[in-house]
Every structure is written in C-alpha cells, then in structure tokens.
N, C-alpha and C. Protein backbone atom coordinates (compact mmCIF):
# COMPACT_ATOMS: atom_id res chain seq x y z
N MET A 1 5.68 -40.63 100.25
CA MET A 1 5.72 -42.03 99.88
C MET A 1 6.35 -42.84 101.00
N PRO A 2 5.84 -44.05 101.19
CA PRO A 2 6.41 -44.90 102.23
C PRO A 2 7.80 -45.40 101.84
N ASN A 3 8.61 -45.65 102.85
CA ASN A 3 9.98 -46.10 102.61
C ASN A 3 10.16 -47.59 102.85
N LYS A 4 9.48 -48.11 103.84
CA LYS A 4 9.65 -49.53 104.20
C LYS A 4 8.83 -50.42 103.28
N PRO A 5 9.32 -51.61 103.01
CA PRO A 5 8.59 -52.53 102.12
C PRO A 5 7.18 -52.85 102.61
N SER A 6 7.01 -53.00 103.91
CA SER A 6 5.68 -53.32 104.44
C SER A 6 4.72 -52.14 104.25
N ALA A 7 5.23 -50.93 104.36
CA ALA A 7 4.40 -49.75 104.16
C ALA A 7 4.04 -49.59 102.68
N ILE A 8 4.97 -49.94 101.81
CA ILE A 8 4.70 -49.89 100.36
C ILE A 8 3.60 -50.88 100.01
N LYS A 9 3.69 -52.09 100.57
CA LYS A 9 2.67 -53.10 100.31
C LYS A 9 1.31 -52.67 100.88
N ALA A 10 1.32 -52.08 102.07
CA ALA A 10 0.07 -51.63 102.69
C ALA A 10 -0.60 -50.56 101.83
N LEU A 11 0.18 -49.66 101.27
CA LEU A 11 -0.36 -48.63 100.40
C LEU A 11 -0.96 -49.25 99.14
N ARG A 12 -0.25 -50.21 98.58
CA ARG A 12 -0.73 -50.90 97.38
C ARG A 12 -2.06 -51.60 97.67
N GLN A 13 -2.15 -52.27 98.82
CA GLN A 13 -3.38 -52.96 99.20
C GLN A 13 -4.51 -51.97 99.45
N ALA A 14 -4.20 -50.84 100.07
CA ALA A 14 -5.23 -49.83 100.36
C ALA A 14 -5.81 -49.26 99.07
N LYS A 15 -4.95 -49.02 98.09
CA LYS A 15 -5.43 -48.50 96.80
C LYS A 15 -6.35 -49.51 96.11
N LYS A 16 -5.96 -50.77 96.16
CA LYS A 16 -6.74 -51.84 95.53
C LYS A 16 -8.10 -51.97 96.22
N ALA A 17 -8.11 -51.92 97.55
CA ALA A 17 -9.36 -52.03 98.30
C ALA A 17 -10.26 -50.83 98.04
N ALA A 18 -9.66 -49.64 97.96
CA ALA A 18 -10.44 -48.43 97.71
C ALA A 18 -11.12 -48.50 96.35
N LEU A 19 -10.44 -49.02 95.36
CA LEU A 19 -11.03 -49.16 94.03
C LEU A 19 -12.17 -50.17 94.04
N ALA A 20 -11.98 -51.28 94.74
CA ALA A 20 -13.03 -52.29 94.84
C ALA A 20 -14.24 -51.72 95.57
N HIS A 21 -14.01 -50.98 96.65
CA HIS A 21 -15.11 -50.39 97.41
C HIS A 21 -15.86 -49.36 96.57
N LEU A 22 -15.12 -48.63 95.75
CA LEU A 22 -15.75 -47.63 94.90
C LEU A 22 -16.70 -48.27 93.89
N THR A 23 -16.31 -49.37 93.29
CA THR A 23 -17.18 -50.04 92.33
C THR A 23 -18.43 -50.60 93.01
N ILE A 24 -18.26 -51.12 94.23
CA ILE A 24 -19.41 -51.63 94.98
C ILE A 24 -20.37 -50.49 95.29
N LYS A 25 -19.84 -49.36 95.76
CA LYS A 25 -20.68 -48.23 96.12
C LYS A 25 -21.38 -47.64 94.90
N ASN A 26 -20.70 -47.62 93.76
CA ASN A 26 -21.32 -47.10 92.54
C ASN A 26 -22.49 -47.96 92.10
N SER A 27 -22.34 -49.28 92.18
CA SER A 27 -23.44 -50.17 91.80
C SER A 27 -24.63 -49.99 92.74
N LEU A 28 -24.34 -49.78 94.03
CA LEU A 28 -25.42 -49.53 94.99
C LEU A 28 -26.13 -48.21 94.68
N ARG A 29 -25.38 -47.19 94.33
CA ARG A 29 -25.98 -45.89 94.01
C ARG A 29 -26.88 -46.01 92.78
N ASN A 30 -26.42 -46.76 91.78
CA ASN A 30 -27.23 -46.93 90.57
C ASN A 30 -28.55 -47.63 90.89
N LEU A 31 -28.49 -48.68 91.72
CA LEU A 31 -29.71 -49.37 92.12
C LEU A 31 -30.62 -48.44 92.92
N GLU A 32 -30.02 -47.65 93.78
CA GLU A 32 -30.80 -46.72 94.60
C GLU A 32 -31.51 -45.69 93.73
N ARG A 33 -30.86 -45.22 92.69
CA ARG A 33 -31.49 -44.27 91.78
C ARG A 33 -32.72 -44.90 91.10
N LYS A 34 -32.59 -46.15 90.68
CA LYS A 34 -33.73 -46.84 90.06
C LYS A 34 -34.90 -46.94 91.04
N ILE A 35 -34.58 -47.26 92.29
CA ILE A 35 -35.62 -47.40 93.30
C ILE A 35 -36.30 -46.06 93.55
N LYS A 36 -35.53 -44.99 93.63
CA LYS A 36 -36.10 -43.66 93.88
C LYS A 36 -37.01 -43.23 92.72
N LYS A 37 -36.66 -43.63 91.50
CA LYS A 37 -37.52 -43.31 90.36
C LYS A 37 -38.86 -44.04 90.49
N THR A 38 -38.81 -45.30 90.92
CA THR A 38 -40.07 -46.04 91.08
C THR A 38 -40.88 -45.50 92.26
N ILE A 39 -40.19 -44.98 93.28
CA ILE A 39 -40.90 -44.37 94.40
C ILE A 39 -41.63 -43.11 93.93
N LEU A 40 -40.95 -42.31 93.10
CA LEU A 40 -41.61 -41.11 92.57
C LEU A 40 -42.78 -41.46 91.67
N ALA A 41 -42.67 -42.60 90.98
CA ALA A 41 -43.76 -43.06 90.12
C ALA A 41 -44.85 -43.76 90.93
N LYS A 42 -44.62 -43.92 92.25
CA LYS A 42 -45.55 -44.56 93.18
C LYS A 42 -45.87 -46.00 92.79
N ASP A 43 -44.86 -46.70 92.31
CA ASP A 43 -45.00 -48.11 91.96
C ASP A 43 -44.39 -48.94 93.08
N LYS A 44 -45.21 -49.26 94.07
CA LYS A 44 -44.71 -49.91 95.28
C LYS A 44 -44.23 -51.34 95.01
N LYS A 45 -44.91 -52.04 94.13
CA LYS A 45 -44.56 -53.44 93.86
C LYS A 45 -43.16 -53.55 93.26
N VAL A 46 -42.88 -52.74 92.27
CA VAL A 46 -41.57 -52.75 91.62
C VAL A 46 -40.50 -52.25 92.59
N ALA A 47 -40.85 -51.24 93.37
CA ALA A 47 -39.90 -50.68 94.33
C ALA A 47 -39.49 -51.72 95.37
N THR A 48 -40.44 -52.53 95.83
CA THR A 48 -40.09 -53.54 96.84
C THR A 48 -39.22 -54.64 96.25
N THR A 49 -39.46 -55.02 95.00
CA THR A 49 -38.61 -56.05 94.40
C THR A 49 -37.20 -55.53 94.18
N LEU A 50 -37.09 -54.27 93.74
CA LEU A 50 -35.77 -53.67 93.59
C LEU A 50 -35.09 -53.48 94.93
N ALA A 51 -35.89 -53.19 95.96
CA ALA A 51 -35.33 -52.97 97.29
C ALA A 51 -34.73 -54.25 97.86
N LYS A 52 -35.36 -55.38 97.58
CA LYS A 52 -34.81 -56.65 98.04
C LYS A 52 -33.44 -56.89 97.42
N GLU A 53 -33.34 -56.60 96.13
CA GLU A 53 -32.07 -56.74 95.43
C GLU A 53 -31.03 -55.77 96.00
N TRP A 54 -31.47 -54.54 96.30
CA TRP A 54 -30.58 -53.52 96.85
C TRP A 54 -30.11 -53.89 98.25
N GLN A 55 -31.01 -54.46 99.05
CA GLN A 55 -30.64 -54.88 100.39
C GLN A 55 -29.60 -56.00 100.36
N LYS A 56 -29.77 -56.90 99.43
CA LYS A 56 -28.81 -58.00 99.28
C LYS A 56 -27.44 -57.44 98.90
N ALA A 57 -27.44 -56.50 97.97
CA ALA A 57 -26.18 -55.87 97.56
C ALA A 57 -25.57 -55.06 98.70
N CYS A 58 -26.41 -54.44 99.49
CA CYS A 58 -25.93 -53.65 100.62
C CYS A 58 -25.29 -54.57 101.67
N ASP A 59 -25.88 -55.72 101.90
CA ASP A 59 -25.29 -56.69 102.83
C ASP A 59 -23.95 -57.21 102.32
N LYS A 60 -23.85 -57.41 101.01
CA LYS A 60 -22.58 -57.85 100.44
C LYS A 60 -21.52 -56.76 100.58
N ALA A 61 -21.93 -55.51 100.43
CA ALA A 61 -21.00 -54.39 100.60
C ALA A 61 -20.53 -54.32 102.05
N LYS A 62 -21.45 -54.60 102.96
CA LYS A 62 -21.08 -54.62 104.38
C LYS A 62 -20.09 -55.74 104.66
N LYS A 63 -20.31 -56.89 104.04
CA LYS A 63 -19.42 -58.03 104.22
C LYS A 63 -18.04 -57.76 103.62
N ALA A 64 -18.01 -57.01 102.52
CA ALA A 64 -16.75 -56.67 101.86
C ALA A 64 -16.07 -55.48 102.52
N LYS A 65 -16.70 -54.95 103.58
CA LYS A 65 -16.19 -53.83 104.35
C LYS A 65 -16.13 -52.53 103.56
N ALA A 66 -17.03 -52.40 102.58
CA ALA A 66 -17.16 -51.14 101.87
C ALA A 66 -17.95 -50.15 102.71
N PHE A 67 -18.83 -50.68 103.56
CA PHE A 67 -19.61 -49.91 104.52
C PHE A 67 -19.42 -50.50 105.90
N LYS A 68 -19.59 -49.66 106.91
CA LYS A 68 -19.68 -50.20 108.27
C LYS A 68 -21.07 -50.77 108.44
N ALA A 69 -21.22 -51.64 109.42
CA ALA A 69 -22.50 -52.33 109.62
C ALA A 69 -23.63 -51.35 109.90
N ASN A 70 -23.41 -50.39 110.77
CA ASN A 70 -24.47 -49.44 111.12
C ASN A 70 -24.85 -48.58 109.93
N THR A 71 -23.87 -48.23 109.10
CA THR A 71 -24.15 -47.42 107.91
C THR A 71 -25.06 -48.18 106.96
N ALA A 72 -24.74 -49.43 106.71
CA ALA A 72 -25.55 -50.24 105.81
C ALA A 72 -26.97 -50.40 106.35
N ASN A 73 -27.08 -50.67 107.64
CA ASN A 73 -28.40 -50.84 108.25
C ASN A 73 -29.20 -49.54 108.20
N ARG A 74 -28.54 -48.41 108.40
CA ARG A 74 -29.22 -47.12 108.36
C ARG A 74 -29.74 -46.83 106.95
N LEU A 75 -28.92 -47.12 105.95
CA LEU A 75 -29.33 -46.88 104.57
C LEU A 75 -30.54 -47.75 104.21
N LYS A 76 -30.49 -49.02 104.61
CA LYS A 76 -31.59 -49.93 104.33
C LYS A 76 -32.87 -49.46 105.02
N SER A 77 -32.74 -49.03 106.25
CA SER A 77 -33.90 -48.59 107.02
C SER A 77 -34.55 -47.37 106.38
N ARG A 78 -33.74 -46.40 105.99
CA ARG A 78 -34.28 -45.18 105.39
C ARG A 78 -34.96 -45.45 104.06
N LEU A 79 -34.37 -46.34 103.27
CA LEU A 79 -34.96 -46.66 101.97
C LEU A 79 -36.30 -47.38 102.16
N MET A 80 -36.36 -48.32 103.09
CA MET A 80 -37.60 -49.04 103.31
C MET A 80 -38.68 -48.12 103.88
N ALA A 81 -38.29 -47.13 104.66
CA ALA A 81 -39.25 -46.17 105.19
C ALA A 81 -39.88 -45.38 104.05
N LYS A 82 -39.08 -45.03 103.06
CA LYS A 82 -39.60 -44.29 101.90
C LYS A 82 -40.55 -45.17 101.09
N ILE A 83 -40.20 -46.44 100.94
CA ILE A 83 -41.05 -47.35 100.18
C ILE A 83 -42.36 -47.60 100.91
N ASN A 84 -42.28 -47.78 102.22
CA ASN A 84 -43.49 -48.04 103.00
C ASN A 84 -44.41 -46.83 103.07
N ALA A 85 -43.87 -45.64 102.82
CA ALA A 85 -44.68 -44.42 102.84
C ALA A 85 -45.53 -44.28 101.57
N ILE A 86 -45.24 -45.08 100.54
CA ILE A 86 -46.03 -45.03 99.31
C ILE A 86 -47.42 -45.55 99.59
N LYS A 87 -48.42 -44.85 99.08
CA LYS A 87 -49.81 -45.29 99.28
C LYS A 87 -50.46 -45.66 97.98
C-alpha cells in the first residue's frame, strides 16, 4: 500500500479509471459479438450498420484512453475486413 497522500490518491484514481475502462471494453465486446453473429449469418447490411455504431464506440473508447490509438484502429480494420469478406 502507498504511504504518501499523493500515492494514495493516484491509486484511488487508477482504480476508478480501470473500472470505467472495463465497462467501456465490455460494451464494445458485446457489440462485437452481435456483429460476429450477423457475419456468420451473412447479413452484410445489418453488419455494416452495427459496425458503424461499433466504430463510433471504439473511437470514444480511444478518446477515453481505454485503448491506445493503434489498438483501436487495428480492431476496426480487422472487423471491417471480415465484413467486407461477406459475399
């Protein structure tokens, strides 16, 4: 445990941020699961509309520093590649 007041506050802030980031990441995972189900069902139209919503949420997560910028961009790119592969 930290001894100094500033270290105690930093720990408190880190725990709060970690909890906020966890809720953001969970909501993204839930959306991603929905998209993957539509990809398996080969419903490209629904998948693209859900993907737009997911991309917006991913950008918000990046802004909230739940993800690094490159991580968010990589996730978006991989998801769109899967959607574009639907015929």
